[in-house]
Protein backbone atom coordinates (compact mmCIF):
# COMPACT_ATOMS: atom_id res chain seq x y z
CA UNK A 1 65.05 -4.03 -78.93
CA UNK A 2 65.63 -7.96 -78.09
CA UNK A 3 61.81 -8.19 -77.69
CA UNK A 4 61.19 -6.49 -81.13
CA UNK A 5 63.78 -8.82 -82.48
CA UNK A 6 62.12 -11.90 -81.21
CA UNK A 7 58.80 -10.57 -82.64
CA UNK A 8 60.70 -9.90 -86.00
CA UNK A 9 61.85 -13.53 -86.03
CA UNK A 10 58.58 -14.99 -85.09
CA UNK A 11 56.70 -12.89 -87.79
CA UNK A 12 59.15 -14.29 -90.31
CA UNK A 13 58.20 -17.95 -89.46
CA UNK A 14 55.00 -19.09 -90.99
CA UNK A 15 55.05 -22.34 -88.85
CA UNK A 16 53.87 -21.92 -85.19
CA UNK A 17 56.44 -23.06 -82.90
CA UNK A 18 55.59 -24.38 -79.38
CA UNK A 19 58.85 -23.03 -77.97
CA UNK A 20 60.86 -19.74 -78.01
CA UNK A 21 61.43 -18.60 -81.75
CA UNK A 22 65.15 -18.18 -80.97
CA UNK A 23 65.22 -21.80 -79.90
CA UNK A 24 63.40 -22.92 -82.92
CA UNK A 25 65.87 -21.02 -85.11
CA UNK A 26 68.69 -22.86 -83.40
CA UNK A 27 67.07 -26.31 -83.72
CA UNK A 28 66.43 -25.79 -87.49
CA UNK A 29 70.03 -24.39 -88.05
CA UNK A 30 71.98 -26.99 -86.17
CA UNK A 31 69.80 -30.04 -86.41
CA UNK A 32 71.48 -33.43 -85.20
CA UNK A 33 68.92 -33.67 -82.40
CA UNK A 34 70.27 -30.76 -80.38
CA UNK A 35 66.82 -30.03 -79.01
CA UNK A 36 66.97 -33.32 -77.28
CA UNK A 37 69.74 -32.25 -74.96
CA UNK A 38 68.76 -32.03 -71.20
CA UNK A 39 67.79 -28.68 -70.17
CA UNK A 40 68.05 -27.41 -73.81
CA UNK A 41 66.01 -24.28 -73.26
CA UNK A 42 67.33 -23.42 -69.87
CA UNK A 43 70.78 -23.61 -71.03
CA UNK A 44 70.62 -22.13 -74.36
CA UNK A 45 68.04 -19.38 -74.10
CA UNK A 46 70.01 -17.03 -71.60
CA UNK A 47 73.23 -17.30 -73.69
CA UNK A 48 71.39 -16.72 -76.98
CA UNK A 49 69.68 -13.48 -75.62
CA UNK A 50 73.04 -12.39 -74.27
CA UNK A 51 74.76 -12.84 -77.66
CA UNK A 52 71.85 -11.00 -79.20
CA UNK A 53 72.16 -8.10 -76.77
CA UNK A 54 75.86 -7.81 -77.73
CA UNK A 55 75.04 -7.52 -81.50
CA UNK A 56 72.36 -5.05 -80.82
CA UNK A 57 74.84 -2.80 -78.78
CA UNK A 58 77.37 -3.11 -81.59
CA UNK A 59 74.89 -2.23 -84.40
CA UNK A 60 73.30 0.54 -82.30
CA UNK A 61 76.73 2.24 -82.78
CA UNK A 62 76.38 2.55 -86.47
CA UNK A 63 75.55 6.02 -87.16
CA UNK A 64 72.57 7.31 -89.39
CA UNK A 65 70.46 7.11 -91.03
CA UNK A 66 71.77 9.82 -93.40
CA UNK A 67 70.14 10.82 -96.71
CA UNK A 68 71.64 9.28 -99.71
CA UNK A 69 72.80 12.27 -101.53
CA UNK A 70 76.03 13.78 -103.13
CA UNK A 71 78.47 14.98 -100.48
CA UNK A 72 81.43 13.82 -98.63
CA UNK A 73 80.57 10.09 -99.03
CA UNK A 74 79.87 10.25 -102.88
CA UNK A 75 81.52 11.99 -105.70
CA UNK A 76 78.14 12.65 -107.49
CA UNK A 77 74.85 11.11 -108.51
CA UNK A 78 76.59 8.67 -110.65
CA UNK A 79 78.36 7.10 -107.73
CA UNK A 80 75.04 6.90 -105.93
CA UNK A 81 73.38 5.12 -108.87
CA UNK A 82 76.08 2.53 -108.93
CA UNK A 83 75.79 1.98 -105.28
CA UNK A 84 72.05 1.24 -105.68
CA UNK A 85 72.05 -0.48 -108.87
CA UNK A 86 75.17 -2.77 -108.39
CA UNK A 87 74.20 -3.91 -104.95
CA UNK A 88 73.01 -7.46 -104.79
CA UNK A 89 70.86 -6.76 -101.70
CA UNK A 90 68.94 -3.93 -103.53
CA UNK A 91 68.00 -6.28 -106.44
CA UNK A 92 66.92 -9.11 -103.87
CA UNK A 93 65.09 -6.81 -101.40
CA UNK A 94 63.18 -4.39 -103.68
CA UNK A 95 60.40 -6.85 -104.73
CA UNK A 96 59.48 -7.09 -101.06
CA UNK A 97 59.43 -3.29 -100.12
CA UNK A 98 56.88 -0.70 -100.99
CA UNK A 99 57.49 0.71 -104.41
CA UNK A 100 56.72 4.30 -103.22
CA UNK A 101 58.30 4.40 -99.84
CA UNK A 102 61.51 5.49 -98.03
CA UNK A 103 64.06 2.71 -97.69
CA UNK A 104 66.76 2.21 -95.00
CA UNK A 105 69.86 0.26 -95.50
CA UNK A 106 73.42 -0.28 -94.33
CA UNK A 107 75.98 1.54 -96.51
CA UNK A 108 79.45 0.18 -96.57
CA UNK A 109 82.27 1.61 -98.40
CA UNK A 110 86.03 1.03 -98.58
CA UNK A 111 89.10 3.26 -98.80
CA UNK A 112 91.41 2.52 -101.67
CA UNK A 113 94.64 3.75 -102.99
CA UNK A 114 95.58 3.22 -106.72
CA UNK A 115 99.11 3.80 -107.88
CA UNK A 116 100.13 5.91 -104.84
CA UNK A 117 97.26 8.31 -105.37
CA UNK A 118 95.32 9.96 -102.54
CA UNK A 119 93.07 7.44 -100.75
CA UNK A 120 89.57 7.53 -102.07
CA UNK A 121 86.18 6.04 -101.13
CA UNK A 122 85.09 3.19 -103.41
CA UNK A 123 82.97 -0.01 -103.65
CA UNK A 124 79.80 1.80 -102.02
CA UNK A 125 77.53 -1.18 -101.33
CA UNK A 126 74.06 -1.50 -99.56
CA UNK A 127 72.56 -4.46 -97.53
CA UNK A 128 69.70 -5.20 -95.06
CA UNK A 129 67.18 -3.07 -96.80
CA UNK A 130 63.95 -2.23 -94.79
CA UNK A 131 61.29 0.30 -94.55
CA UNK A 132 62.62 1.73 -91.18
CA UNK A 133 65.95 2.19 -89.54
CA UNK A 134 64.90 -0.09 -86.57
CA UNK A 135 64.06 -3.05 -88.90
CA UNK A 136 67.36 -2.45 -90.82
CA UNK A 137 69.18 -2.67 -87.52
CA UNK A 138 67.22 -5.75 -86.61
CA UNK A 139 67.96 -7.42 -89.89
CA UNK A 140 71.73 -6.91 -89.19
CA UNK A 141 71.32 -8.30 -85.75
CA UNK A 142 69.62 -11.46 -87.02
CA UNK A 143 72.14 -11.70 -89.96
CA UNK A 144 75.02 -11.90 -87.34
CA UNK A 145 73.20 -14.49 -85.03
CA UNK A 146 72.41 -16.60 -88.16
CA UNK A 147 76.20 -16.44 -89.25
CA UNK A 148 77.04 -17.78 -85.86
CA UNK A 149 74.57 -20.58 -86.16
CA UNK A 150 75.65 -21.16 -89.78
CA UNK A 151 79.28 -21.48 -88.98
CA UNK A 152 78.60 -23.67 -85.90
CA UNK A 153 76.50 -26.04 -88.08
CA UNK A 154 79.35 -26.22 -90.76
CA UNK A 155 81.58 -27.08 -87.90
CA UNK A 156 79.51 -29.95 -86.82
CA UNK A 157 79.13 -31.19 -90.40
CA UNK A 158 83.03 -31.25 -90.57
CA UNK A 159 83.04 -33.23 -87.32
CA UNK A 160 80.54 -35.77 -88.88
CA UNK A 161 82.47 -36.10 -91.99
CA UNK A 162 85.72 -36.84 -89.95
CA UNK A 163 83.96 -39.31 -87.87
CA UNK A 164 82.85 -41.06 -91.26
CA UNK A 165 86.26 -41.15 -92.38
CA UNK A 166 87.42 -43.03 -89.18
CA UNK A 167 84.68 -45.54 -89.62
CA UNK A 168 85.89 -46.03 -93.09
CA UNK A 169 89.47 -46.45 -92.20
CA UNK A 170 88.69 -48.89 -89.40
CA UNK A 171 86.50 -51.06 -91.74
CA UNK A 172 89.30 -51.13 -94.28
CA UNK A 173 91.72 -52.21 -91.57
CA UNK A 174 89.25 -55.06 -90.48
CA UNK A 175 88.93 -56.25 -94.18
CA UNK A 176 92.77 -56.42 -94.57
CA UNK A 177 94.13 -57.63 -91.41
CA UNK A 178 92.81 -60.86 -90.15
CA UNK A 179 94.26 -60.54 -86.78
CA UNK A 180 92.32 -57.35 -86.29
CA UNK A 181 89.19 -59.10 -87.38
CA UNK A 182 89.78 -61.62 -84.58
CA UNK A 183 90.86 -59.22 -81.75
CA UNK A 184 88.13 -56.63 -82.60
CA UNK A 185 84.57 -57.58 -82.55
CA UNK A 186 83.25 -54.02 -82.08
CA UNK A 187 84.35 -50.62 -83.67
CA UNK A 188 86.30 -48.42 -81.32
CA UNK A 189 84.22 -45.39 -80.21
CA UNK A 190 85.09 -42.28 -82.08
CA UNK A 191 86.05 -39.41 -79.81
CA UNK A 192 84.37 -37.18 -82.29
CA UNK A 193 81.13 -39.11 -82.16
CA UNK A 194 81.06 -39.76 -78.42
CA UNK A 195 82.36 -36.37 -77.18
CA UNK A 196 81.31 -33.79 -79.64
CA UNK A 197 78.06 -34.96 -81.58
CA UNK A 198 75.68 -35.92 -78.86
CA UNK A 199 72.89 -33.45 -78.17
CA UNK A 200 74.42 -32.39 -74.83
CA UNK A 201 77.93 -31.90 -76.28
CA UNK A 202 76.37 -29.92 -79.16
CA UNK A 203 74.68 -27.51 -76.64
CA UNK A 204 78.02 -27.25 -74.72
CA UNK A 205 79.82 -26.30 -77.98
CA UNK A 206 77.30 -23.94 -79.13
CA UNK A 207 77.34 -22.30 -75.77
CA UNK A 208 81.03 -21.62 -76.16
CA UNK A 209 80.35 -19.96 -79.54
CA UNK A 210 77.63 -17.78 -78.07
CA UNK A 211 79.90 -16.61 -75.33
CA UNK A 212 82.22 -15.02 -78.08
CA UNK A 213 79.97 -13.18 -80.30
CA UNK A 214 82.73 -10.47 -81.02
CA UNK A 215 84.32 -13.19 -83.23
CA UNK A 216 81.38 -12.87 -85.69
CA UNK A 217 80.54 -9.12 -85.46
CA UNK A 218 82.06 -6.09 -83.93
CA UNK A 219 82.49 -2.43 -84.60
CA UNK A 220 85.69 -0.57 -84.43
CA UNK A 221 85.07 2.85 -83.32
CA UNK A 222 86.06 5.63 -85.65
CA UNK A 223 89.05 7.66 -84.15
CA UNK A 224 88.89 10.65 -86.47
CA UNK A 225 90.35 11.42 -89.78
CA UNK A 226 93.98 10.29 -90.41
CA UNK A 227 96.56 11.05 -92.94
CA UNK A 228 95.89 8.05 -94.87
CA UNK A 229 92.09 7.92 -94.77
CA UNK A 230 89.46 10.32 -96.31
CA UNK A 231 87.93 12.73 -93.88
CA UNK A 232 84.55 11.46 -94.74
CA UNK A 233 85.27 8.26 -92.77
CA UNK A 234 86.04 9.98 -89.53
CA UNK A 235 82.65 9.39 -88.01
CA UNK A 236 82.13 5.88 -89.57
CA UNK A 237 83.11 2.77 -87.55
CA UNK A 238 84.83 -0.06 -89.23
CA UNK A 239 82.65 -3.38 -89.56
CA UNK A 240 84.54 -6.57 -88.62
CA UNK A 241 82.58 -9.66 -89.50
CA UNK A 242 82.79 -12.73 -91.69
CA UNK A 243 83.71 -10.41 -94.67
CA UNK A 244 87.43 -10.13 -94.89
CA UNK A 245 87.19 -6.85 -96.76
CA UNK A 246 87.40 -3.78 -94.52
CA UNK A 247 84.09 -1.78 -94.58
CA UNK A 248 83.35 1.83 -93.16
CA UNK A 249 79.55 1.79 -92.36
CA UNK A 250 76.70 3.94 -91.62
CA UNK A 251 72.85 3.75 -92.25
CA UNK A 252 71.28 5.59 -95.05
CA UNK A 253 67.88 6.28 -96.58
CA UNK A 254 66.55 6.75 -100.05
CA UNK A 255 63.42 6.72 -101.99
CA UNK A 256 62.32 3.32 -103.34
CA UNK A 257 61.82 4.97 -106.92
CA UNK A 258 65.45 5.92 -106.96
CA UNK A 259 66.65 2.39 -106.27
CA UNK A 260 64.35 1.03 -108.82
CA UNK A 261 65.61 3.40 -111.37
CA UNK A 262 69.12 2.58 -110.61
CA UNK A 263 68.46 -1.20 -111.00
CA UNK A 264 67.08 -0.38 -114.47
CA UNK A 265 70.34 1.29 -115.49
CA UNK A 266 72.64 -1.61 -114.27
CA UNK A 267 72.77 -5.17 -115.70
CA UNK A 268 75.43 -6.54 -113.32
CA UNK A 269 74.40 -6.65 -109.54
CA UNK A 270 77.78 -7.87 -108.10
CA UNK A 271 78.49 -5.96 -105.00
CA UNK A 272 77.61 -7.39 -101.55
CA UNK A 273 78.71 -7.22 -97.81
CA UNK A 274 78.86 -10.49 -96.11
CA UNK A 275 77.90 -10.52 -92.42
């Protein structure tokens, strides 16, 4: 599946890249000259492929696809319509999918208890729509990988802002302390700048993140129905990712026409699952 995912990434990139598409994705997401590190490709490509293989194994454990229909997961047609019409991903993806085909997507739902009533299934939400189950799983895998890169890039930006504040503080001290102006003719090197923001250090930092992909996505296997959970979730693993909400997940399929009709009935697309 990794080979298919690489082709999937390459097909989505209109600019031809002279290097592996995964490395190009890293270079674009992280920036800061990371590709200038020595042995950039040799160091990062194996770790990147290992992380993606981990994501693939986790996502392969998601059951389905199941037909989106009334049954254990839905109280009735209205709840299905709400799942389709209120999911932000459905609204965003429909314009790029065949209008008369079968769509596959991740279905997430949550178990809620209101006023000490019996637990019930709620907030049915779809994401990663595609025209096949394989493409849906590939989109989920890529979303997890992009989340890792996005979070690392944000981490780097925080380090840069910290270093900038150190520069401002040092210059302020120089301007308001003549003794320091005499004694210090160069700015002290920032540990952040010298140890964490060089291309080689960025690669080392990213390698440590790639070595822990479970921090960004993992599936907690279903252990059968329990007293405090509806029986319908007994075969649905729990998704652990950047979204702090707890989602039971499976793959589903449904006609594109049904999704289009549901979108017409809803005016507020507010449900989403954050990978």
